[in-house]
Amino acid sequence: MCASRLLLAALLLALTGSAPVVAAEKKPDPGKEQMRRLQQAQHKLEQEKAQLAEEKTALEAELGTIRKKAEAEARRAAQLQREVAAVRTARDDLAVRLAETEAALQKTNAQRQAAEDEGKRLQARLGGEQQQHAACVARNQELHKVGVAVLERYEKKTCLDSTLQREPLTGLKRIDVENAVEDLRDQLDRQRIGS
């Protein structure tokens, strides 16, 4: 662009500077020739000017398009930054909730483990109490047998047995009764808890 203007200016100078030379040579019509050259140069300059105006318009349109795209990209970047901030906030909230959930899970696991341990302890205690209960049932059955034996002896005791038991001379029946009482007492003592 600048080169064509310089060329045009040089051409104009040459034409104006050579006008006296042309006049000196006395060509048939130097003014017409110069006028034709000037018109050609002017026409060329107008074409270049029009072309430059078109280029300027195209560049301005392109610049406007680029500016619009840049503004749209800036808006998009701002939107993306807001979305990133929202995602980060959500991620941070989830991290906090995850930490709380993990803490609650650990607490629940500890409670579950404590409950399982307590259950095992109670199971063991129940087993011991069931053994004691079985032992008590067996002793109770033995005591019942002893009680039934005592009642049978008492029921079968006659007046003669009572008289013989008090007989002072030999005391044999009394010894039999004392032996029977001792046997029953031994059986009862064996069924006593803790013995």
Foldseek 3Di string as FASTA:
>chain_A
DVVLVVVLVVLLCVLVVCVVVCVVVCDPDSPVVSVVVNVVSVVVVVVVVVVVVVVVVVVVVVVVVVVVVVVVVVVVVVVVVVVVVVVVVVVVVVVVVVVVVVVVVVVVVVVVVVVVVVVVVVVVVVVVVVVVVVLLVVLVVLLVVLVVVVVVVVVPDDPVLVVLCPDPPPNPSVVVVVVSVVVSVVSNVVSDPPD
